[in-house]
């Protein structure tokens, strides 16, 4: 394992350390094999993670690009006293809404929302958040999860945040908040945002920036609902990554409160939110809200895990299905997995779909992990070390654009960039895929699959192996579902305690949706969580699912959302 790979894993590990009420520190969750190897590796003294592996063959062609190498971070902003601001609380007086619900999927990179209206046939409306968010050319149904505070102290959101950050800080001198969702689950929710992200004189916390983005997401949801004639107080569920039970309750409580606050703030700033909100005005609003916050928000209902939402999107509830399915949702911040026992037989009035108790896992190797690997690989190929005067500028420029670079790399097979004061650097997909840290990404996911199957009752594997027509069905969703190392997870076999379990891939677009909503096919991998989470009937969570109970006596006829074969 090379030093730059070790550094990425250690930084990833440190980011997960949280503090408790007594001031102690602990690390929730399970260590991945890569993180364990990295911890063992740092027992020996490390040299410079880039210099030791820099190949002179990689040295770039130097071009002259102006940048102030002596840039220093400004002093931290000082807290100021703010006055109250009048809030729009009218949503609290609206009559309750029945027969429909929303599910909000606050994503690390992109956010989504779906409305489902009850009836003999469900009416599904994937809300076009991209339209009010002015990013239809990127996606009509997804909203960029970014926040940026400009040099004049105004807060911008989504695509506007990206555009403004590139205008003011494209040289790497400024940064935007792209990964604020992780502050919900990691230490740092109450930390002050650093001057590199907030140049204003007013202190704000990362938790307040999460609230600011949720305000924007709620505003975009309101606009999309209004266009279709729906009220803005529709009951809403919300999706979360998989956490241990204690952490899950804590995050659920926080997110429920934030989503309620976000509705009031979205209404308050409804007419100005796209023009940039002064940090001072936002600070006044949240100070006022905290003084008189409602005890509860009736329109914010239950949470659900992201794999649970996906599982709900896969089933029609009208066709016969008898299977064991694993959902793997690969997002930007986390990869979440869960196992489901599904038996639906309308002719026999059997309708059972259960999440297998104790089968949920969440790991931090996800899209952002690959982003970090790619950043370090660019620096390595450019032979830029941490002692280089241009290191901060080059790394900051990469961080601002790394998601675009990664997408280009996987779509085109290569990516070519120019770094400030350094020169031109090109990365080929084949060489990137051979990096141990990238190969380890797929291995961590496969290890999580194995761990789940070995931790649940052996009868689940016994059931699959009892008939040659049975498989472990694997459904891949999330923004990272199309990555080649993720696609490999739904092919071939998996070894569980010395037994070979065949795998079949779920159809990338469920058959029941093909018939009724073919227009959703392109975006399904990313909207599956919010779509399934908004349906009236949800897969039962954490139930004591059984293979033997309720099984049909004859060979199952598999149909629904799966596909036959191993690819």
Protein backbone atom coordinates (compact mmCIF):
# COMPACT_ATOMS: atom_id res chain seq x y z
CA UNK A 1 0.00 0.00 0.00
CA UNK A 2 1.48 3.34 -1.08
CA UNK A 3 1.71 6.30 1.26
CA UNK A 4 -0.82 8.46 -0.56
CA UNK A 5 -3.37 5.64 -0.34
CA UNK A 6 -2.64 5.28 3.38
CA UNK A 7 -3.13 9.01 3.86
CA UNK A 8 -6.54 8.96 2.15
CA UNK A 9 -7.69 6.07 4.34
CA UNK A 10 -6.38 7.64 7.55
CA UNK A 11 -8.00 11.00 6.73
CA UNK A 12 -11.21 9.14 6.00
CA UNK A 13 -10.93 7.33 9.32
CA UNK A 14 -10.20 10.49 11.33
CA UNK A 15 -13.20 12.23 9.75
CA UNK A 16 -15.43 9.58 11.35
CA UNK A 17 -14.19 10.13 14.92
CA UNK A 18 -16.93 11.70 17.06
CA UNK A 19 -16.97 13.16 20.57
CA UNK A 20 -19.38 12.14 23.30
CA UNK A 21 -21.10 14.23 25.96
CA UNK A 22 -18.17 13.70 28.35
CA UNK A 23 -15.62 15.01 25.90
CA UNK A 24 -14.27 11.58 25.03
CA UNK A 25 -13.66 10.48 21.48
CA UNK A 26 -14.80 7.27 19.79
CA UNK A 27 -15.06 5.75 16.34
CA UNK A 28 -18.54 4.45 15.42
CA UNK A 29 -19.09 1.64 12.94
CA UNK A 30 -16.77 -1.07 11.66
CA UNK A 31 -13.24 -0.66 10.31
CA UNK A 32 -12.85 -1.66 6.68
CA UNK A 33 -9.94 -3.89 5.66
CA UNK A 34 -8.30 -0.94 3.91
CA UNK A 35 -8.50 1.23 7.02
CA UNK A 36 -7.07 -1.54 9.16
CA UNK A 37 -4.15 -1.98 6.75
CA UNK A 38 -3.56 1.78 6.79
CA UNK A 39 -3.44 1.85 10.60
CA UNK A 40 -0.91 -0.96 10.61
CA UNK A 41 1.17 0.79 7.97
CA UNK A 42 1.52 4.03 9.94
CA UNK A 43 3.31 2.23 12.75
CA UNK A 44 6.37 2.72 10.56
CA UNK A 45 7.58 6.22 9.80
CA UNK A 46 6.20 7.48 6.49
CA UNK A 47 8.05 9.62 4.02
CA UNK A 48 6.36 12.19 1.80
CA UNK A 49 3.33 10.42 0.27
CA UNK A 50 3.87 11.88 -3.17
CA UNK A 51 7.60 12.41 -3.49
CA UNK A 52 8.56 8.82 -2.74
CA UNK A 53 6.48 7.45 -5.61
CA UNK A 54 6.78 10.29 -8.11
CA UNK A 55 7.89 8.95 -11.47
CA UNK A 56 9.94 11.44 -13.54
CA UNK A 57 8.01 10.09 -16.52
CA UNK A 58 4.92 11.78 -15.08
CA UNK A 59 6.52 15.25 -14.90
CA UNK A 60 4.11 17.65 -16.60
CA UNK A 61 4.79 20.33 -19.18
CA UNK A 62 5.05 23.55 -17.19
CA UNK A 63 2.93 26.49 -18.30
CA UNK A 64 2.68 29.92 -16.75
CA UNK A 65 -0.61 30.34 -14.88
CA UNK A 66 -0.81 33.24 -12.43
CA UNK A 67 -1.51 32.35 -8.82
CA UNK A 68 -0.49 33.90 -5.55
CA UNK A 69 1.64 31.20 -3.98
CA UNK A 70 1.92 33.29 -0.80
CA UNK A 71 -1.84 33.17 -0.19
CA UNK A 72 -2.65 32.95 3.49
CA UNK A 73 -5.99 32.03 4.99
CA UNK A 74 -7.72 35.10 6.48
CA UNK A 75 -8.35 35.36 10.19
CA UNK A 76 -11.34 33.46 11.56
CA UNK A 77 -14.61 35.46 11.52
CA UNK A 78 -15.72 36.89 14.84
CA UNK A 79 -19.22 36.29 16.22
CA UNK A 80 -21.50 39.32 16.20
CA UNK A 81 -24.79 40.10 17.88
CA UNK A 82 -27.71 40.00 15.46
CA UNK A 83 -31.24 41.35 15.68
CA UNK A 84 -34.46 39.43 15.19
CA UNK A 85 -36.16 39.00 11.82
CA UNK A 86 -39.84 38.32 11.13
CA UNK A 87 -40.44 34.71 10.13
CA UNK A 88 -43.16 33.27 7.89
CA UNK A 89 -44.83 30.58 10.04
CA UNK A 90 -47.96 30.25 7.90
CA UNK A 91 -47.23 26.58 7.12
CA UNK A 92 -48.07 25.73 10.73
CA UNK A 93 -51.64 26.97 10.27
CA UNK A 94 -52.39 24.97 7.12
CA UNK A 95 -54.86 22.06 7.42
CA UNK A 96 -53.28 18.58 7.39
CA UNK A 97 -52.96 16.80 4.05
CA UNK A 98 -53.97 13.15 3.61
CA UNK A 99 -53.67 10.60 0.83
CA UNK A 100 -50.23 11.65 -0.37
CA UNK A 101 -46.70 11.97 0.92
CA UNK A 102 -43.24 13.15 -0.03
CA UNK A 103 -39.89 11.49 0.49
CA UNK A 104 -36.85 13.76 0.61
CA UNK A 105 -33.45 12.29 -0.24
CA UNK A 106 -30.80 14.76 0.92
CA UNK A 107 -27.77 13.50 -0.97
CA UNK A 108 -24.10 14.28 -0.54
CA UNK A 109 -23.77 15.25 -4.21
CA UNK A 110 -27.37 15.49 -5.44
CA UNK A 111 -30.73 15.73 -3.67
CA UNK A 112 -34.08 14.34 -4.85
CA UNK A 113 -37.76 14.43 -3.85
CA UNK A 114 -40.75 12.32 -4.92
CA UNK A 115 -44.48 12.74 -4.29
CA UNK A 116 -46.79 9.70 -4.33
CA UNK A 117 -50.56 10.14 -4.34
CA UNK A 118 -52.71 7.22 -3.18
CA UNK A 119 -55.45 5.62 -5.25
CA UNK A 120 -56.35 2.39 -7.02
CA UNK A 121 -53.14 3.05 -8.93
CA UNK A 122 -50.46 5.10 -7.24
CA UNK A 123 -49.67 8.43 -8.90
CA UNK A 124 -45.91 9.01 -8.83
CA UNK A 125 -44.46 12.49 -9.31
CA UNK A 126 -40.67 12.75 -9.21
CA UNK A 127 -40.38 16.46 -8.51
CA UNK A 128 -38.38 18.52 -10.98
CA UNK A 129 -36.18 20.27 -8.44
CA UNK A 130 -33.71 21.20 -11.16
CA UNK A 131 -36.13 23.68 -12.72
CA UNK A 132 -36.43 26.14 -9.81
CA UNK A 133 -32.78 25.37 -9.08
CA UNK A 134 -31.87 26.66 -12.58
CA UNK A 135 -29.95 23.51 -13.51
CA UNK A 136 -32.17 21.72 -16.01
CA UNK A 137 -29.22 21.25 -18.34
CA UNK A 138 -27.61 19.12 -15.61
CA UNK A 139 -30.74 17.34 -14.37
CA UNK A 140 -34.40 18.26 -14.14
CA UNK A 141 -35.03 16.00 -11.14
CA UNK A 142 -31.86 16.43 -9.07
CA UNK A 143 -30.55 19.39 -7.12
CA UNK A 144 -26.82 19.97 -6.61
CA UNK A 145 -26.00 19.69 -2.88
CA UNK A 146 -23.59 22.64 -2.67
CA UNK A 147 -23.42 25.87 -0.67
CA UNK A 148 -21.07 28.78 -1.29
CA UNK A 149 -20.51 32.03 0.64
CA UNK A 150 -19.16 34.65 -1.74
CA UNK A 151 -16.64 37.39 -1.02
CA UNK A 152 -19.49 39.81 -0.26
CA UNK A 153 -20.96 37.53 2.39
CA UNK A 154 -23.95 36.20 0.43
CA UNK A 155 -25.00 32.52 0.52
CA UNK A 156 -25.60 30.75 -2.82
CA UNK A 157 -26.97 27.28 -3.43
CA UNK A 158 -26.86 24.45 -5.96
CA UNK A 159 -25.62 25.35 -9.43
CA UNK A 160 -25.33 29.02 -8.49
CA UNK A 161 -22.97 27.97 -5.69
CA UNK A 162 -20.83 26.03 -8.14
CA UNK A 163 -20.77 28.85 -10.71
CA UNK A 164 -19.94 31.57 -8.17
CA UNK A 165 -17.21 29.51 -6.53
CA UNK A 166 -15.49 28.97 -9.87
CA UNK A 167 -15.64 32.68 -10.68
CA UNK A 168 -14.20 33.79 -7.34
CA UNK A 169 -12.09 30.84 -6.33
CA UNK A 170 -11.32 28.92 -9.49
CA UNK A 171 -7.62 29.36 -8.73
CA UNK A 172 -8.12 27.42 -5.49
CA UNK A 173 -8.09 30.45 -3.18
CA UNK A 174 -11.69 29.81 -2.07
CA UNK A 175 -13.73 26.67 -1.44
CA UNK A 176 -17.42 25.80 -1.41
CA UNK A 177 -19.25 23.41 0.89
CA UNK A 178 -19.83 20.27 -1.17
CA UNK A 179 -19.87 17.58 1.51
CA UNK A 180 -21.88 19.16 4.32
CA UNK A 181 -24.17 16.14 4.71
CA UNK A 182 -21.41 14.17 6.40
CA UNK A 183 -21.46 16.63 9.32
CA UNK A 184 -24.78 15.08 10.34
CA UNK A 185 -23.12 11.78 11.17
CA UNK A 186 -19.58 12.87 12.05
CA UNK A 187 -18.07 15.18 14.60
CA UNK A 188 -18.14 18.83 13.54
CA UNK A 189 -21.84 19.69 13.34
CA UNK A 190 -21.29 22.60 15.76
CA UNK A 191 -17.86 23.60 14.48
CA UNK A 192 -17.36 27.09 13.04
CA UNK A 193 -17.00 27.14 9.25
CA UNK A 194 -13.42 28.11 8.39
CA UNK A 195 -12.57 31.37 6.53
CA UNK A 196 -11.65 29.43 3.41
CA UNK A 197 -15.38 28.65 3.12
CA UNK A 198 -16.79 31.71 4.90
CA UNK A 199 -14.97 35.01 4.29
CA UNK A 200 -17.69 37.07 5.99
CA UNK A 201 -17.37 38.65 9.43
CA UNK A 202 -20.21 36.51 10.81
CA UNK A 203 -19.55 33.10 12.31
CA UNK A 204 -21.72 30.20 11.16
CA UNK A 205 -21.46 26.51 12.00
CA UNK A 206 -21.46 23.55 9.64
CA UNK A 207 -24.82 22.53 11.13
CA UNK A 208 -26.23 25.92 10.16
CA UNK A 209 -24.95 25.45 6.63
CA UNK A 210 -26.75 22.10 6.48
CA UNK A 211 -29.89 23.95 7.53
CA UNK A 212 -29.23 26.59 4.84
CA UNK A 213 -29.04 23.93 2.14
CA UNK A 214 -32.14 22.12 3.43
CA UNK A 215 -33.90 25.49 3.26
CA UNK A 216 -32.95 25.73 -0.41
CA UNK A 217 -34.00 22.13 -1.10
CA UNK A 218 -37.32 22.75 0.65
CA UNK A 219 -37.83 25.95 -1.35
CA UNK A 220 -37.22 24.07 -4.62
CA UNK A 221 -39.64 21.36 -3.44
CA UNK A 222 -42.25 24.03 -2.65
CA UNK A 223 -41.90 25.55 -6.13
CA UNK A 224 -42.23 22.15 -7.80
CA UNK A 225 -45.33 21.34 -5.72
CA UNK A 226 -46.94 24.69 -6.51
CA UNK A 227 -46.49 24.11 -10.24
CA UNK A 228 -48.54 20.92 -9.93
CA UNK A 229 -51.15 22.49 -7.65
CA UNK A 230 -50.15 20.78 -4.37
CA UNK A 231 -49.86 22.41 -0.91
CA UNK A 232 -46.44 22.86 0.64
CA UNK A 233 -47.25 21.07 3.92
CA UNK A 234 -47.58 17.57 2.45
CA UNK A 235 -46.34 14.96 4.97
CA UNK A 236 -42.74 14.08 4.23
CA UNK A 237 -40.54 11.15 5.03
CA UNK A 238 -36.77 11.50 4.82
CA UNK A 239 -34.00 9.09 3.89
CA UNK A 240 -30.77 8.51 5.82
CA UNK A 241 -27.65 6.36 5.42
CA UNK A 242 -27.30 3.19 7.51
CA UNK A 243 -25.99 3.89 11.01
CA UNK A 244 -25.71 1.88 14.24
CA UNK A 245 -29.00 2.15 16.17
CA UNK A 246 -27.86 4.82 18.64
CA UNK A 247 -26.39 7.04 15.96
CA UNK A 248 -29.41 6.46 13.73
CA UNK A 249 -31.77 7.79 16.41
CA UNK A 250 -29.56 10.82 16.98
CA UNK A 251 -29.31 11.72 13.28
CA UNK A 252 -33.03 11.09 12.76
CA UNK A 253 -33.91 13.48 15.60
CA UNK A 254 -31.58 16.18 14.25
CA UNK A 255 -32.73 15.83 10.65
CA UNK A 256 -36.42 15.89 11.62
CA UNK A 257 -35.89 19.21 13.42
CA UNK A 258 -33.80 20.67 10.59
CA UNK A 259 -36.38 19.77 7.95
CA UNK A 260 -39.10 21.50 9.93
CA UNK A 261 -36.94 24.59 10.46
CA UNK A 262 -36.06 24.53 6.77
CA UNK A 263 -39.73 24.86 5.78
CA UNK A 264 -40.19 28.03 7.82
CA UNK A 265 -36.93 29.51 6.51
CA UNK A 266 -37.80 28.56 2.93
CA UNK A 267 -41.08 30.45 3.26
CA UNK A 268 -39.34 33.39 4.92
CA UNK A 269 -36.72 33.80 2.19
CA UNK A 270 -38.93 32.58 -0.66
CA UNK A 271 -38.61 35.70 -2.82
CA UNK A 272 -34.86 36.26 -2.35
CA UNK A 273 -33.29 32.82 -2.09
CA UNK A 274 -32.07 32.76 -5.72
CA UNK A 275 -30.46 36.19 -5.38
CA UNK A 276 -28.05 35.17 -2.66
CA UNK A 277 -28.96 35.53 1.01
CA UNK A 278 -26.72 37.73 3.18
CA UNK A 279 -25.13 35.69 5.94
CA UNK A 280 -26.30 38.38 8.37
CA UNK A 281 -29.96 37.90 7.38
CA UNK A 282 -29.72 34.13 7.65
CA UNK A 283 -28.06 34.43 11.07
CA UNK A 284 -30.88 36.73 12.23
CA UNK A 285 -33.52 34.29 11.02
CA UNK A 286 -32.10 31.23 12.77
CA UNK A 287 -31.55 33.22 15.98
CA UNK A 288 -35.21 34.25 15.92
CA UNK A 289 -36.37 30.72 15.09
CA UNK A 290 -34.44 29.20 17.98
CA UNK A 291 -36.16 31.52 20.42
CA UNK A 292 -39.63 30.30 19.46
CA UNK A 293 -39.28 26.99 17.65
CA UNK A 294 -42.45 24.80 17.56
CA UNK A 295 -42.31 21.70 19.75
CA UNK A 296 -42.84 19.57 16.65
CA UNK A 297 -43.52 19.79 12.93
CA UNK A 298 -46.51 17.57 12.05
CA UNK A 299 -45.63 17.47 8.34
CA UNK A 300 -42.23 15.84 9.04
CA UNK A 301 -42.91 12.14 9.61
CA UNK A 302 -40.71 9.03 9.71
CA UNK A 303 -37.17 8.35 8.58
CA UNK A 304 -36.08 5.37 6.48
CA UNK A 305 -32.74 3.97 5.43
CA UNK A 306 -31.62 4.54 1.86
CA UNK A 307 -31.60 0.82 0.95
CA UNK A 308 -35.12 0.53 2.42
CA UNK A 309 -36.31 3.22 0.04
CA UNK A 310 -34.69 1.43 -2.89
CA UNK A 311 -36.35 -1.86 -1.92
CA UNK A 312 -39.72 -0.09 -1.90
CA UNK A 313 -39.11 1.18 -5.43
CA UNK A 314 -38.33 -2.27 -6.81
CA UNK A 315 -41.63 -3.96 -5.95
CA UNK A 316 -44.93 -3.53 -7.73
CA UNK A 317 -46.78 -5.31 -4.87
CA UNK A 318 -49.06 -6.72 -7.58
CA UNK A 319 -46.81 -9.42 -9.13
CA UNK A 320 -45.59 -12.64 -7.59
CA UNK A 321 -42.03 -12.44 -6.26
CA UNK A 322 -40.15 -14.90 -4.04
CA UNK A 323 -36.52 -13.98 -3.47
CA UNK A 324 -33.65 -12.92 -1.27
CA UNK A 325 -32.40 -9.53 -2.45
CA UNK A 326 -29.48 -7.33 -1.44
CA UNK A 327 -29.65 -3.62 -2.14
CA UNK A 328 -26.33 -1.79 -2.57
CA UNK A 329 -26.78 1.98 -2.70
CA UNK A 330 -23.49 3.65 -3.66
CA UNK A 331 -23.73 7.38 -3.03
CA UNK A 332 -21.16 10.13 -2.80
CA UNK A 333 -20.69 10.04 0.98
CA UNK A 334 -21.52 6.47 1.97
CA UNK A 335 -22.25 3.08 0.47
CA UNK A 336 -25.21 1.43 2.19
CA UNK A 337 -26.20 -2.24 1.99
CA UNK A 338 -29.12 -4.24 3.32
CA UNK A 339 -30.66 -7.68 2.80
CA UNK A 340 -34.36 -8.30 2.11
CA UNK A 341 -36.55 -11.39 2.18
CA UNK A 342 -39.42 -10.82 -0.24
CA UNK A 343 -42.49 -12.99 -0.77
CA UNK A 344 -45.39 -11.42 -2.64
CA UNK A 345 -48.15 -13.65 -4.01
CA UNK A 346 -51.40 -11.73 -4.69
CA UNK A 347 -53.30 -14.91 -5.62
CA UNK A 348 -52.67 -16.30 -2.13
CA UNK A 349 -52.90 -12.88 -0.44
CA UNK A 350 -49.28 -13.16 0.69
CA UNK A 351 -47.60 -9.80 0.91
CA UNK A 352 -44.42 -9.95 2.97
CA UNK A 353 -41.27 -7.97 2.35
CA UNK A 354 -38.90 -7.66 5.29
CA UNK A 355 -35.51 -6.18 5.89
CA UNK A 356 -33.46 -8.97 7.50
CA UNK A 357 -32.72 -8.02 11.08
CA UNK A 358 -29.12 -6.91 11.57
CA UNK A 359 -28.30 -6.94 7.86
CA UNK A 360 -27.75 -3.21 7.27
CA UNK A 361 -24.24 -1.90 6.74
CA UNK A 362 -22.88 1.51 5.90
CA UNK A 363 -19.28 2.05 4.83
CA UNK A 364 -17.47 5.28 4.04
CA UNK A 365 -15.88 4.07 0.83
CA UNK A 366 -18.12 5.77 -1.75
CA UNK A 367 -17.92 8.40 -4.46
CA UNK A 368 -16.08 10.93 -2.29
CA UNK A 369 -13.49 8.29 -1.46
CA UNK A 370 -12.72 7.87 -5.15
CA UNK A 371 -12.62 11.66 -5.48
CA UNK A 372 -9.89 11.75 -2.82
CA UNK A 373 -7.91 9.02 -4.54
CA UNK A 374 -8.12 10.88 -7.86
CA UNK A 375 -6.97 14.16 -6.29
CA UNK A 376 -3.89 12.49 -4.83
CA UNK A 377 -3.20 10.66 -8.09
CA UNK A 378 -3.29 13.94 -10.03
CA UNK A 379 -0.81 15.45 -7.57
CA UNK A 380 1.42 12.40 -7.82
CA UNK A 381 1.49 12.55 -11.62
CA UNK A 382 2.26 16.27 -11.43
CA UNK A 383 5.07 15.54 -8.94
CA UNK A 384 3.63 18.10 -6.51
CA UNK A 385 4.53 17.41 -2.87
CA UNK A 386 3.15 19.04 0.25
CA UNK A 387 6.36 21.09 0.49
CA UNK A 388 5.79 22.55 -2.97
CA UNK A 389 4.73 26.25 -2.85
CA UNK A 390 2.01 25.46 -5.41
CA UNK A 391 0.59 22.48 -3.50
CA UNK A 392 -2.28 24.38 -1.83
CA UNK A 393 -3.34 26.04 -5.09
CA UNK A 394 -3.21 22.81 -7.09
CA UNK A 395 -5.02 20.74 -4.50
CA UNK A 396 -7.72 23.38 -3.97
CA UNK A 397 -8.36 23.66 -7.71
CA UNK A 398 -8.70 19.89 -7.92
CA UNK A 399 -11.14 19.76 -5.00
CA UNK A 400 -13.39 22.38 -6.62
CA UNK A 401 -13.73 20.38 -9.84
CA UNK A 402 -12.97 16.78 -8.88
CA UNK A 403 -16.50 15.43 -9.46
CA UNK A 404 -16.47 16.73 -13.02
CA UNK A 405 -12.99 15.31 -13.57
CA UNK A 406 -14.06 11.91 -12.24
CA UNK A 407 -17.15 11.83 -14.45
CA UNK A 408 -15.06 12.70 -17.50
CA UNK A 409 -12.52 10.02 -16.59
CA UNK A 410 -15.12 7.25 -16.35
CA UNK A 411 -17.12 8.41 -19.38
CA UNK A 412 -14.27 9.20 -21.79
CA UNK A 413 -11.54 6.89 -20.50
CA UNK A 414 -9.17 9.77 -19.71
CA UNK A 415 -9.18 13.28 -18.26
CA UNK A 416 -6.80 16.15 -19.09
CA UNK A 417 -6.37 19.21 -16.85
CA UNK A 418 -4.05 22.16 -16.35
CA UNK A 419 -2.87 22.93 -12.81
CA UNK A 420 -1.87 26.46 -11.68
CA UNK A 421 1.87 27.15 -12.08
CA UNK A 422 2.44 23.45 -12.76
CA UNK A 423 1.23 22.46 -16.20
CA UNK A 424 -0.78 19.86 -18.06
CA UNK A 425 -1.62 16.51 -16.45
CA UNK A 426 -3.50 13.57 -17.97
CA UNK A 427 -4.90 10.53 -16.18
CA UNK A 428 -6.01 7.40 -18.06
CA UNK A 429 -8.88 5.30 -16.73
CA UNK A 430 -6.95 2.03 -17.05
CA UNK A 431 -4.08 3.29 -14.90
CA UNK A 432 -6.46 4.78 -12.34
CA UNK A 433 -8.37 1.49 -12.00
CA UNK A 434 -5.13 -0.34 -11.23
CA UNK A 435 -4.34 1.77 -8.15
CA UNK A 436 -4.59 -0.38 -5.03
CA UNK A 437 -6.91 2.16 -3.36
CA UNK A 438 -9.33 1.97 -6.30
CA UNK A 439 -9.23 -1.80 -6.47
CA UNK A 440 -9.75 -1.82 -2.71
CA UNK A 441 -12.96 0.19 -3.15
CA UNK A 442 -14.67 -2.72 -4.88
CA UNK A 443 -13.17 -5.17 -2.42
CA UNK A 444 -14.57 -3.25 0.56
CA UNK A 445 -18.05 -3.46 -0.94
CA UNK A 446 -17.68 -7.19 -1.66
CA UNK A 447 -16.39 -7.76 1.88
CA UNK A 448 -19.46 -5.95 3.25
CA UNK A 449 -21.72 -8.23 1.19
CA UNK A 450 -19.94 -11.30 2.58
CA UNK A 451 -20.08 -9.99 6.14
CA UNK A 452 -23.85 -9.52 5.89
CA UNK A 453 -24.48 -13.01 4.53
CA UNK A 454 -22.24 -14.57 7.17
CA UNK A 455 -23.84 -12.63 10.02
CA UNK A 456 -27.47 -13.54 9.30
CA UNK A 457 -29.02 -16.94 9.94
CA UNK A 458 -27.57 -19.71 7.74
CA UNK A 459 -31.07 -20.62 6.56
CA UNK A 460 -31.03 -17.70 4.10
CA UNK A 461 -28.09 -19.17 2.20
CA UNK A 462 -29.58 -22.66 2.60
CA UNK A 463 -32.74 -21.45 0.87
CA UNK A 464 -30.82 -20.17 -2.16
CA UNK A 465 -28.76 -23.33 -2.51
CA UNK A 466 -31.81 -25.61 -2.16
CA UNK A 467 -32.83 -24.94 -5.78
CA UNK A 468 -30.76 -24.30 -8.93
CA UNK A 469 -33.27 -21.62 -9.97
CA UNK A 470 -32.56 -19.45 -6.93
CA UNK A 471 -30.05 -16.64 -6.65
CA UNK A 472 -29.02 -13.80 -4.44
CA UNK A 473 -30.53 -10.90 -6.37
CA UNK A 474 -28.36 -7.76 -6.19
CA UNK A 475 -29.85 -4.33 -6.91
CA UNK A 476 -27.35 -1.52 -7.53
CA UNK A 477 -28.48 2.08 -7.07
CA UNK A 478 -27.07 5.51 -6.29
CA UNK A 479 -24.81 7.81 -8.25
CA UNK A 480 -21.99 5.24 -8.18
CA UNK A 481 -24.08 2.31 -9.46
CA UNK A 482 -22.58 2.48 -12.96
CA UNK A 483 -18.93 2.39 -11.82
CA UNK A 484 -17.22 -0.73 -13.20
CA UNK A 485 -16.04 -1.98 -9.81
CA UNK A 486 -19.62 -1.62 -8.50
CA UNK A 487 -21.14 -3.42 -11.48
CA UNK A 488 -18.88 -6.39 -10.72
CA UNK A 489 -20.73 -6.90 -7.42
CA UNK A 490 -23.84 -8.11 -9.27
CA UNK A 491 -22.05 -10.76 -11.34
CA UNK A 492 -20.82 -14.30 -10.76
CA UNK A 493 -20.82 -15.80 -7.28
CA UNK A 494 -19.99 -14.93 -3.70
CA UNK A 495 -18.34 -17.27 -1.20
CA UNK A 496 -20.07 -17.54 2.16
CA UNK A 497 -18.41 -19.79 4.76
CA UNK A 498 -16.97 -21.99 2.04
CA UNK A 499 -20.24 -22.19 0.09
CA UNK A 500 -20.65 -20.73 -3.37
CA UNK A 501 -23.75 -18.57 -3.72
CA UNK A 502 -24.83 -17.55 -7.24
CA UNK A 503 -25.67 -13.90 -7.89
CA UNK A 504 -28.08 -12.36 -10.35
CA UNK A 505 -28.37 -8.66 -11.16
CA UNK A 506 -31.63 -6.84 -10.72
CA UNK A 507 -32.90 -5.03 -13.76
CA UNK A 508 -31.53 -1.48 -13.68
CA UNK A 509 -35.14 -0.30 -14.16
CA UNK A 510 -38.02 -2.26 -12.57
CA UNK A 511 -40.50 -3.82 -14.96
CA UNK A 512 -43.54 -2.33 -13.22
CA UNK A 513 -42.14 1.16 -13.80
CA UNK A 514 -41.26 0.35 -17.40
CA UNK A 515 -44.95 -0.09 -18.08
CA UNK A 516 -46.29 2.97 -16.23
CA UNK A 517 -43.41 5.46 -16.01
CA UNK A 518 -40.89 4.78 -18.80
CA UNK A 519 -39.63 8.38 -18.61
CA UNK A 520 -38.03 7.61 -15.22
CA UNK A 521 -35.59 5.03 -16.60
CA UNK A 522 -32.64 7.39 -17.17
CA UNK A 523 -32.64 8.69 -13.58
CA UNK A 524 -33.90 5.62 -11.73
CA UNK A 525 -30.61 4.68 -10.04
CA UNK A 526 -30.53 8.06 -8.33
CA UNK A 527 -34.22 8.63 -7.63
CA UNK A 528 -34.98 5.11 -6.36
CA UNK A 529 -34.59 6.07 -2.68
CA UNK A 530 -37.07 8.95 -2.79
CA UNK A 531 -39.48 7.08 -5.08
CA UNK A 532 -39.70 3.97 -2.91
CA UNK A 533 -39.71 6.00 0.29
CA UNK A 534 -42.79 7.97 -0.76
CA UNK A 535 -44.99 4.94 -1.51
CA UNK A 536 -47.81 4.10 0.88
CA UNK A 537 -46.55 0.58 1.53
CA UNK A 538 -42.97 0.28 2.76
CA UNK A 539 -40.82 -2.78 3.20
CA UNK A 540 -40.86 -3.69 6.90
CA UNK A 541 -37.76 -2.46 8.66
CA UNK A 542 -35.50 -4.62 10.78
CA UNK A 543 -38.04 -7.45 11.03
CA UNK A 544 -37.30 -11.03 12.05
CA UNK A 545 -37.56 -12.20 8.46
CA UNK A 546 -37.71 -15.95 7.96
CA UNK A 547 -36.86 -18.15 5.00
CA UNK A 548 -39.09 -21.03 6.09
CA UNK A 549 -42.14 -19.13 7.27
CA UNK A 550 -44.58 -18.59 4.40
CA UNK A 551 -42.46 -20.26 1.72
CA UNK A 552 -44.35 -21.68 -1.21
CA UNK A 553 -43.95 -25.48 -1.60
CA UNK A 554 -43.11 -25.47 -5.32
CA UNK A 555 -40.22 -24.01 -7.27
CA UNK A 556 -40.61 -20.21 -7.29
CA UNK A 557 -41.42 -18.47 -10.56
CA UNK A 558 -39.25 -15.39 -10.35
CA UNK A 559 -40.64 -12.27 -11.93
CA UNK A 560 -40.82 -8.60 -11.16
CA UNK A 561 -37.72 -6.46 -11.17
CA UNK A 562 -34.94 -9.07 -11.44
CA UNK A 563 -33.33 -10.41 -14.57
CA UNK A 564 -32.29 -13.99 -15.20
CA UNK A 565 -28.67 -14.96 -15.57
CA UNK A 566 -25.53 -13.71 -13.89
CA UNK A 567 -25.01 -10.44 -15.73
